[in-house]
């Protein structure tokens, strides 16, 4: 998914350059270019979340946590990972519900032209769902003592 996010960034860069060139060179702007790039950015963030979690590259309270012994860290990690799983399950469910709502109602962003939002909103439950799986794997690793 992180590789997909990288390709999406590349697409956004090329699309933005083409959109700017269309304005400057052809004097024919691409309608909705800003809206599409803005909505596509959600995929970049959501697809990279589980990758960062897998590498343990997230924000933490190092001042306190790093001073704990490995034995004291395990129960705290179990609690925090369990809480994270619960929150991610709730967010996945609610964001999926919102994406379905946006699809059914035809929700749009009105800018240079109306742009449907469901395709961008679907990235959130996909990304958070993958983060939920990642958190579950890490919880299992911590319980087994592998981390």
N, C-alpha and C. Protein backbone atom coordinates (compact mmCIF):
# COMPACT_ATOMS: atom_id res chain seq x y z
N UNK A 1 0.81 -1.19 0.00
CA UNK A 1 0.00 0.00 0.00
C UNK A 1 0.86 1.26 0.00
N UNK A 2 2.02 1.18 0.65
CA UNK A 2 2.91 2.34 0.62
C UNK A 2 3.42 2.58 -0.80
N UNK A 3 3.66 1.51 -1.53
CA UNK A 3 4.08 1.65 -2.92
C UNK A 3 2.95 2.27 -3.75
N UNK A 4 1.72 1.87 -3.49
CA UNK A 4 0.58 2.48 -4.18
C UNK A 4 0.50 3.97 -3.86
N UNK A 5 0.76 4.32 -2.60
CA UNK A 5 0.77 5.74 -2.21
C UNK A 5 1.85 6.50 -2.97
N UNK A 6 3.00 5.87 -3.15
CA UNK A 6 4.08 6.52 -3.90
C UNK A 6 3.67 6.75 -5.36
N UNK A 7 3.03 5.76 -5.96
CA UNK A 7 2.56 5.94 -7.34
C UNK A 7 1.49 7.03 -7.43
N UNK A 8 0.66 7.11 -6.42
CA UNK A 8 -0.37 8.15 -6.40
C UNK A 8 0.28 9.53 -6.31
N UNK A 9 1.33 9.65 -5.52
CA UNK A 9 2.05 10.93 -5.44
C UNK A 9 2.62 11.29 -6.82
N UNK A 10 3.19 10.30 -7.49
CA UNK A 10 3.71 10.54 -8.84
C UNK A 10 2.61 10.99 -9.79
N UNK A 11 1.45 10.33 -9.72
CA UNK A 11 0.32 10.72 -10.55
C UNK A 11 -0.10 12.15 -10.24
N UNK A 12 -0.18 12.49 -8.94
CA UNK A 12 -0.59 13.84 -8.56
C UNK A 12 0.38 14.88 -9.10
N UNK A 13 1.67 14.57 -9.06
CA UNK A 13 2.67 15.51 -9.56
C UNK A 13 2.52 15.72 -11.07
N UNK A 14 2.40 14.63 -11.81
CA UNK A 14 2.25 14.74 -13.26
C UNK A 14 0.96 15.46 -13.61
N UNK A 15 -0.12 15.10 -12.95
CA UNK A 15 -1.42 15.72 -13.21
C UNK A 15 -1.39 17.22 -12.94
N UNK A 16 -0.73 17.60 -11.84
CA UNK A 16 -0.64 19.03 -11.50
C UNK A 16 0.19 19.77 -12.53
N UNK A 17 1.31 19.20 -12.96
CA UNK A 17 2.14 19.85 -13.98
C UNK A 17 1.37 20.01 -15.28
N UNK A 18 0.65 18.97 -15.69
CA UNK A 18 -0.15 19.05 -16.91
C UNK A 18 -1.24 20.10 -16.76
N UNK A 19 -1.88 20.16 -15.60
CA UNK A 19 -2.93 21.15 -15.38
C UNK A 19 -2.39 22.57 -15.46
N UNK A 20 -1.21 22.80 -14.89
CA UNK A 20 -0.60 24.13 -14.94
C UNK A 20 -0.19 24.46 -16.38
N UNK A 21 0.37 23.48 -17.07
CA UNK A 21 0.79 23.72 -18.46
C UNK A 21 -0.42 24.00 -19.36
N UNK A 22 -1.52 23.35 -19.08
CA UNK A 22 -2.73 23.60 -19.88
C UNK A 22 -3.20 25.04 -19.71
N UNK A 23 -3.04 25.59 -18.52
CA UNK A 23 -3.43 26.98 -18.29
C UNK A 23 -2.44 27.92 -18.97
N UNK A 24 -1.14 27.67 -18.77
CA UNK A 24 -0.11 28.59 -19.27
C UNK A 24 0.10 28.49 -20.78
N UNK A 25 0.11 27.29 -21.30
CA UNK A 25 0.45 27.09 -22.71
C UNK A 25 -0.79 27.10 -23.60
N UNK A 26 -1.77 26.29 -23.25
CA UNK A 26 -2.94 26.14 -24.12
C UNK A 26 -4.09 27.08 -23.76
N UNK A 27 -3.96 27.78 -22.64
CA UNK A 27 -5.01 28.68 -22.15
C UNK A 27 -6.35 27.95 -22.05
N UNK A 28 -6.27 26.67 -21.68
CA UNK A 28 -7.45 25.83 -21.53
C UNK A 28 -7.30 25.01 -20.24
N UNK A 29 -7.73 25.56 -19.11
CA UNK A 29 -7.52 24.86 -17.84
C UNK A 29 -8.31 23.55 -17.77
N UNK A 30 -7.77 22.63 -17.01
CA UNK A 30 -8.48 21.38 -16.73
C UNK A 30 -9.46 21.67 -15.61
N UNK A 31 -10.73 21.53 -15.90
CA UNK A 31 -11.75 21.83 -14.89
C UNK A 31 -11.69 20.82 -13.76
N UNK A 32 -11.68 21.31 -12.54
CA UNK A 32 -11.67 20.46 -11.37
C UNK A 32 -10.31 19.90 -10.99
N UNK A 33 -9.25 20.40 -11.61
CA UNK A 33 -7.91 19.86 -11.34
C UNK A 33 -7.55 19.97 -9.85
N UNK A 34 -7.79 21.11 -9.26
CA UNK A 34 -7.47 21.31 -7.85
C UNK A 34 -8.28 20.37 -6.97
N UNK A 35 -9.55 20.22 -7.27
CA UNK A 35 -10.41 19.35 -6.48
C UNK A 35 -9.96 17.89 -6.56
N UNK A 36 -9.61 17.44 -7.77
CA UNK A 36 -9.17 16.05 -7.93
C UNK A 36 -7.87 15.78 -7.19
N UNK A 37 -6.92 16.70 -7.27
CA UNK A 37 -5.65 16.52 -6.57
C UNK A 37 -5.87 16.53 -5.07
N UNK A 38 -6.71 17.42 -4.59
CA UNK A 38 -7.01 17.50 -3.16
C UNK A 38 -7.65 16.21 -2.66
N UNK A 39 -8.62 15.70 -3.39
CA UNK A 39 -9.29 14.46 -2.97
C UNK A 39 -8.37 13.24 -3.09
N UNK A 40 -7.45 13.26 -4.02
CA UNK A 40 -6.53 12.14 -4.21
C UNK A 40 -5.51 12.06 -3.07
N UNK A 41 -5.22 13.18 -2.44
CA UNK A 41 -4.24 13.21 -1.36
C UNK A 41 -4.65 12.31 -0.19
N UNK A 42 -5.94 12.08 -0.02
CA UNK A 42 -6.41 11.20 1.06
C UNK A 42 -5.82 9.81 0.91
N UNK A 43 -5.69 9.32 -0.32
CA UNK A 43 -5.13 7.99 -0.56
C UNK A 43 -3.67 7.93 -0.10
N UNK A 44 -2.92 8.98 -0.32
CA UNK A 44 -1.51 9.01 0.07
C UNK A 44 -1.38 8.82 1.58
N UNK A 45 -2.16 9.57 2.32
CA UNK A 45 -2.09 9.49 3.78
C UNK A 45 -2.58 8.15 4.28
N UNK A 46 -3.76 7.73 3.83
CA UNK A 46 -4.37 6.53 4.38
C UNK A 46 -3.63 5.25 3.98
N UNK A 47 -3.05 5.22 2.79
CA UNK A 47 -2.34 4.02 2.36
C UNK A 47 -0.99 3.88 3.05
N UNK A 48 -0.44 4.95 3.56
CA UNK A 48 0.88 4.89 4.20
C UNK A 48 0.81 4.69 5.71
N UNK A 49 -0.36 4.82 6.29
CA UNK A 49 -0.50 4.73 7.75
C UNK A 49 -0.05 3.37 8.27
N UNK A 50 -0.53 2.28 7.67
CA UNK A 50 -0.18 0.95 8.19
C UNK A 50 1.30 0.64 7.96
N UNK A 51 1.88 1.19 6.90
CA UNK A 51 3.32 1.00 6.65
C UNK A 51 4.14 1.66 7.75
N UNK A 52 3.77 2.87 8.13
CA UNK A 52 4.48 3.55 9.21
C UNK A 52 4.32 2.80 10.53
N UNK A 53 3.13 2.28 10.77
CA UNK A 53 2.89 1.52 11.99
C UNK A 53 3.72 0.24 12.00
N UNK A 54 3.82 -0.43 10.86
CA UNK A 54 4.60 -1.67 10.75
C UNK A 54 6.05 -1.44 11.14
N UNK A 55 6.57 -0.29 10.79
CA UNK A 55 7.97 0.02 11.08
C UNK A 55 8.15 0.70 12.43
N UNK A 56 7.07 0.80 13.20
CA UNK A 56 7.06 1.46 14.50
C UNK A 56 7.49 2.92 14.37
N UNK A 57 7.19 3.54 13.26
CA UNK A 57 7.57 4.94 13.02
C UNK A 57 6.37 5.85 13.25
N UNK A 58 5.92 5.87 14.46
CA UNK A 58 4.79 6.69 14.82
C UNK A 58 5.17 7.53 16.02
N UNK A 59 4.32 8.43 16.37
CA UNK A 59 4.60 9.28 17.52
C UNK A 59 4.43 8.47 18.79
N UNK A 60 5.32 8.68 19.70
CA UNK A 60 5.19 8.00 20.98
C UNK A 60 5.71 8.92 22.08
N UNK A 61 5.39 8.55 23.28
CA UNK A 61 5.84 9.32 24.44
C UNK A 61 7.18 8.74 24.90
N UNK A 62 8.22 9.04 24.15
CA UNK A 62 9.53 8.48 24.42
C UNK A 62 10.11 8.89 25.76
N UNK A 63 9.75 10.04 26.23
CA UNK A 63 10.31 10.52 27.52
C UNK A 63 9.98 9.53 28.63
N UNK A 64 8.78 9.01 28.62
CA UNK A 64 8.37 8.05 29.65
C UNK A 64 8.59 6.61 29.19
N UNK A 65 8.11 6.30 28.01
CA UNK A 65 8.10 4.92 27.53
C UNK A 65 9.51 4.36 27.36
N UNK A 66 10.44 5.13 26.83
CA UNK A 66 11.80 4.64 26.60
C UNK A 66 12.55 4.35 27.90
N UNK A 67 12.11 4.89 29.00
CA UNK A 67 12.78 4.66 30.29
C UNK A 67 12.26 3.41 31.00
N UNK A 68 11.18 2.84 30.47
CA UNK A 68 10.63 1.63 31.08
C UNK A 68 11.45 0.41 30.68
N UNK A 69 11.45 -0.58 31.54
CA UNK A 69 12.11 -1.84 31.20
C UNK A 69 11.27 -2.56 30.15
N UNK A 70 11.90 -3.43 29.36
CA UNK A 70 11.12 -4.20 28.37
C UNK A 70 9.96 -4.97 29.00
N UNK A 71 10.14 -5.44 30.21
CA UNK A 71 9.07 -6.17 30.90
C UNK A 71 7.90 -5.24 31.23
N UNK A 72 8.19 -4.01 31.59
CA UNK A 72 7.12 -3.06 31.91
C UNK A 72 6.45 -2.52 30.65
N UNK A 73 7.17 -2.54 29.54
CA UNK A 73 6.61 -2.04 28.28
C UNK A 73 5.52 -2.95 27.72
N UNK A 74 5.68 -4.26 27.90
CA UNK A 74 4.74 -5.20 27.28
C UNK A 74 3.29 -4.96 27.67
N UNK A 75 2.94 -4.87 28.95
CA UNK A 75 1.53 -4.66 29.27
C UNK A 75 1.01 -3.30 28.77
N UNK A 76 1.88 -2.30 28.79
CA UNK A 76 1.47 -0.98 28.29
C UNK A 76 1.23 -1.05 26.79
N UNK A 77 2.14 -1.72 26.07
CA UNK A 77 1.95 -1.89 24.63
C UNK A 77 0.67 -2.67 24.33
N UNK A 78 0.42 -3.72 25.09
CA UNK A 78 -0.81 -4.50 24.88
C UNK A 78 -2.05 -3.63 25.08
N UNK A 79 -2.04 -2.83 26.11
CA UNK A 79 -3.18 -1.95 26.38
C UNK A 79 -3.34 -0.92 25.26
N UNK A 80 -2.24 -0.28 24.88
CA UNK A 80 -2.32 0.76 23.85
C UNK A 80 -2.69 0.19 22.49
N UNK A 81 -2.12 -0.96 22.14
CA UNK A 81 -2.47 -1.59 20.86
C UNK A 81 -3.93 -2.04 20.85
N UNK A 82 -4.41 -2.56 21.97
CA UNK A 82 -5.82 -2.96 22.07
C UNK A 82 -6.73 -1.75 21.92
N UNK A 83 -6.38 -0.66 22.57
CA UNK A 83 -7.15 0.57 22.44
C UNK A 83 -7.11 1.08 21.00
N UNK A 84 -5.96 1.01 20.38
CA UNK A 84 -5.82 1.43 18.98
C UNK A 84 -6.66 0.58 18.05
N UNK A 85 -6.70 -0.73 18.30
CA UNK A 85 -7.52 -1.63 17.49
C UNK A 85 -8.99 -1.26 17.63
N UNK A 86 -9.43 -1.04 18.85
CA UNK A 86 -10.83 -0.67 19.09
C UNK A 86 -11.18 0.64 18.36
N UNK A 87 -10.34 1.64 18.50
CA UNK A 87 -10.59 2.93 17.84
C UNK A 87 -10.58 2.77 16.32
N UNK A 88 -9.63 2.01 15.80
CA UNK A 88 -9.56 1.82 14.34
C UNK A 88 -10.76 1.06 13.80
N UNK A 89 -11.26 0.07 14.55
CA UNK A 89 -12.47 -0.65 14.12
C UNK A 89 -13.64 0.32 14.04
N UNK A 90 -13.79 1.16 15.07
CA UNK A 90 -14.89 2.14 15.07
C UNK A 90 -14.74 3.13 13.91
N UNK A 91 -13.52 3.61 13.67
CA UNK A 91 -13.29 4.55 12.58
C UNK A 91 -13.49 3.90 11.21
N UNK A 92 -13.08 2.65 11.08
CA UNK A 92 -13.28 1.95 9.81
C UNK A 92 -14.77 1.83 9.52
N UNK A 93 -15.52 1.41 10.52
CA UNK A 93 -16.97 1.25 10.34
C UNK A 93 -17.64 2.57 9.99
N UNK A 94 -17.35 3.61 10.76
CA UNK A 94 -18.03 4.89 10.52
C UNK A 94 -17.59 5.54 9.21
N UNK A 95 -16.32 5.41 8.85
CA UNK A 95 -15.88 6.00 7.59
C UNK A 95 -16.40 5.22 6.39
N UNK A 96 -16.56 3.91 6.53
CA UNK A 96 -17.19 3.12 5.47
C UNK A 96 -18.65 3.53 5.30
N UNK A 97 -19.32 3.74 6.41
CA UNK A 97 -20.71 4.20 6.37
C UNK A 97 -20.80 5.55 5.66
N UNK A 98 -19.88 6.45 5.95
CA UNK A 98 -19.86 7.77 5.30
C UNK A 98 -19.56 7.65 3.82
N UNK A 99 -18.64 6.78 3.44
CA UNK A 99 -18.32 6.59 2.02
C UNK A 99 -19.52 6.04 1.26
N UNK A 100 -20.22 5.08 1.86
CA UNK A 100 -21.42 4.53 1.23
C UNK A 100 -22.49 5.62 1.12
N UNK A 101 -22.65 6.41 2.17
CA UNK A 101 -23.61 7.52 2.13
C UNK A 101 -23.27 8.49 1.00
N UNK A 102 -21.98 8.82 0.86
CA UNK A 102 -21.56 9.75 -0.20
C UNK A 102 -21.85 9.16 -1.58
N UNK A 103 -21.69 7.87 -1.73
CA UNK A 103 -21.97 7.22 -3.01
C UNK A 103 -23.47 7.23 -3.30
N UNK A 104 -24.26 6.84 -2.31
CA UNK A 104 -25.71 6.73 -2.50
C UNK A 104 -26.34 8.10 -2.76
N UNK A 105 -25.90 9.11 -2.01
CA UNK A 105 -26.51 10.44 -2.16
C UNK A 105 -25.89 11.25 -3.29
N UNK A 106 -24.76 10.79 -3.83
CA UNK A 106 -24.10 11.54 -4.89
C UNK A 106 -23.43 12.80 -4.37
N UNK A 107 -22.87 12.72 -3.16
CA UNK A 107 -22.22 13.87 -2.53
C UNK A 107 -21.12 14.43 -3.44
N UNK A 108 -21.08 15.74 -3.56
CA UNK A 108 -20.10 16.39 -4.43
C UNK A 108 -19.45 17.57 -3.72
N UNK A 109 -18.26 17.90 -4.22
CA UNK A 109 -17.60 19.16 -3.85
C UNK A 109 -17.84 20.09 -5.02
N UNK A 110 -18.34 21.26 -4.72
CA UNK A 110 -18.61 22.21 -5.80
C UNK A 110 -17.46 23.20 -5.85
N UNK A 111 -16.74 23.18 -6.95
CA UNK A 111 -15.65 24.11 -7.19
C UNK A 111 -15.76 24.58 -8.62
N UNK A 112 -14.72 24.37 -9.39
CA UNK A 112 -14.77 24.70 -10.81
C UNK A 112 -15.82 23.84 -11.51
N UNK A 113 -16.04 22.66 -10.94
CA UNK A 113 -17.08 21.75 -11.44
C UNK A 113 -17.45 20.82 -10.29
N UNK A 114 -18.65 20.26 -10.28
CA UNK A 114 -18.99 19.32 -9.20
C UNK A 114 -18.17 18.04 -9.31
N UNK A 115 -17.55 17.63 -8.22
CA UNK A 115 -16.72 16.42 -8.19
C UNK A 115 -17.28 15.49 -7.12
N UNK A 116 -17.57 14.26 -7.50
CA UNK A 116 -18.06 13.25 -6.56
C UNK A 116 -16.99 12.97 -5.51
N UNK A 117 -17.40 12.72 -4.27
CA UNK A 117 -16.44 12.52 -3.18
C UNK A 117 -16.30 11.08 -2.72
N UNK A 118 -17.21 10.19 -3.13
CA UNK A 118 -17.19 8.83 -2.59
C UNK A 118 -15.87 8.12 -2.87
N UNK A 119 -15.27 8.32 -4.04
CA UNK A 119 -14.05 7.60 -4.40
C UNK A 119 -12.88 8.03 -3.52
N UNK A 120 -12.92 9.25 -3.02
CA UNK A 120 -11.88 9.70 -2.09
C UNK A 120 -12.18 9.20 -0.67
N UNK A 121 -13.44 9.24 -0.32
CA UNK A 121 -13.83 8.80 1.03
C UNK A 121 -13.58 7.32 1.26
N UNK A 122 -13.59 6.51 0.21
CA UNK A 122 -13.39 5.07 0.38
C UNK A 122 -11.95 4.75 0.81
N UNK A 123 -11.02 5.66 0.56
CA UNK A 123 -9.63 5.44 0.97
C UNK A 123 -9.50 5.38 2.49
N UNK A 124 -10.36 6.08 3.20
CA UNK A 124 -10.25 6.14 4.66
C UNK A 124 -10.54 4.78 5.29
N UNK A 125 -11.68 4.13 5.00
CA UNK A 125 -11.88 2.81 5.61
C UNK A 125 -10.87 1.77 5.13
N UNK A 126 -10.40 1.89 3.90
CA UNK A 126 -9.37 0.95 3.43
C UNK A 126 -8.09 1.13 4.23
N UNK A 127 -7.64 2.38 4.35
CA UNK A 127 -6.40 2.66 5.08
C UNK A 127 -6.49 2.33 6.56
N UNK A 128 -7.59 2.72 7.19
CA UNK A 128 -7.73 2.44 8.63
C UNK A 128 -7.97 0.95 8.86
N UNK A 129 -8.66 0.30 7.91
CA UNK A 129 -8.83 -1.15 8.03
C UNK A 129 -7.50 -1.88 7.98
N UNK A 130 -6.63 -1.45 7.08
CA UNK A 130 -5.29 -2.04 7.02
C UNK A 130 -4.48 -1.73 8.28
N UNK A 131 -4.65 -0.54 8.80
CA UNK A 131 -3.98 -0.19 10.06
C UNK A 131 -4.50 -1.06 11.20
N UNK A 132 -5.78 -1.40 11.18
CA UNK A 132 -6.35 -2.29 12.19
C UNK A 132 -5.69 -3.67 12.12
N UNK A 133 -5.52 -4.17 10.91
CA UNK A 133 -4.85 -5.46 10.73
C UNK A 133 -3.41 -5.38 11.24
N UNK A 134 -2.72 -4.29 10.90
CA UNK A 134 -1.34 -4.09 11.33
C UNK A 134 -1.25 -4.04 12.84
N UNK A 135 -2.15 -3.31 13.50
CA UNK A 135 -2.16 -3.22 14.96
C UNK A 135 -2.42 -4.60 15.59
N UNK A 136 -3.29 -5.37 14.96
CA UNK A 136 -3.60 -6.71 15.47
C UNK A 136 -2.37 -7.61 15.37
N UNK A 137 -1.66 -7.54 14.26
CA UNK A 137 -0.42 -8.32 14.10
C UNK A 137 0.60 -7.90 15.15
N UNK A 138 0.73 -6.60 15.39
CA UNK A 138 1.69 -6.14 16.39
C UNK A 138 1.28 -6.57 17.79
N UNK A 139 -0.01 -6.55 18.08
CA UNK A 139 -0.47 -7.01 19.39
C UNK A 139 -0.11 -8.48 19.59
N UNK A 140 -0.33 -9.29 18.57
CA UNK A 140 0.03 -10.71 18.66
C UNK A 140 1.54 -10.86 18.87
N UNK A 141 2.33 -10.07 18.17
CA UNK A 141 3.79 -10.14 18.33
C UNK A 141 4.20 -9.75 19.75
N UNK A 142 3.57 -8.73 20.30
CA UNK A 142 3.92 -8.28 21.66
C UNK A 142 3.51 -9.35 22.68
N UNK A 143 2.32 -9.93 22.53
CA UNK A 143 1.86 -10.96 23.44
C UNK A 143 2.79 -12.16 23.40
N UNK A 144 3.24 -12.54 22.22
CA UNK A 144 4.17 -13.67 22.07
C UNK A 144 5.59 -13.34 22.52
N UNK A 145 5.88 -12.07 22.74
CA UNK A 145 7.22 -11.67 23.14
C UNK A 145 8.19 -11.54 22.00
N UNK A 146 7.68 -11.40 20.79
CA UNK A 146 8.53 -11.29 19.60
C UNK A 146 9.06 -9.88 19.39
N UNK A 147 8.48 -8.93 20.06
CA UNK A 147 8.89 -7.52 19.87
C UNK A 147 9.49 -7.01 21.16
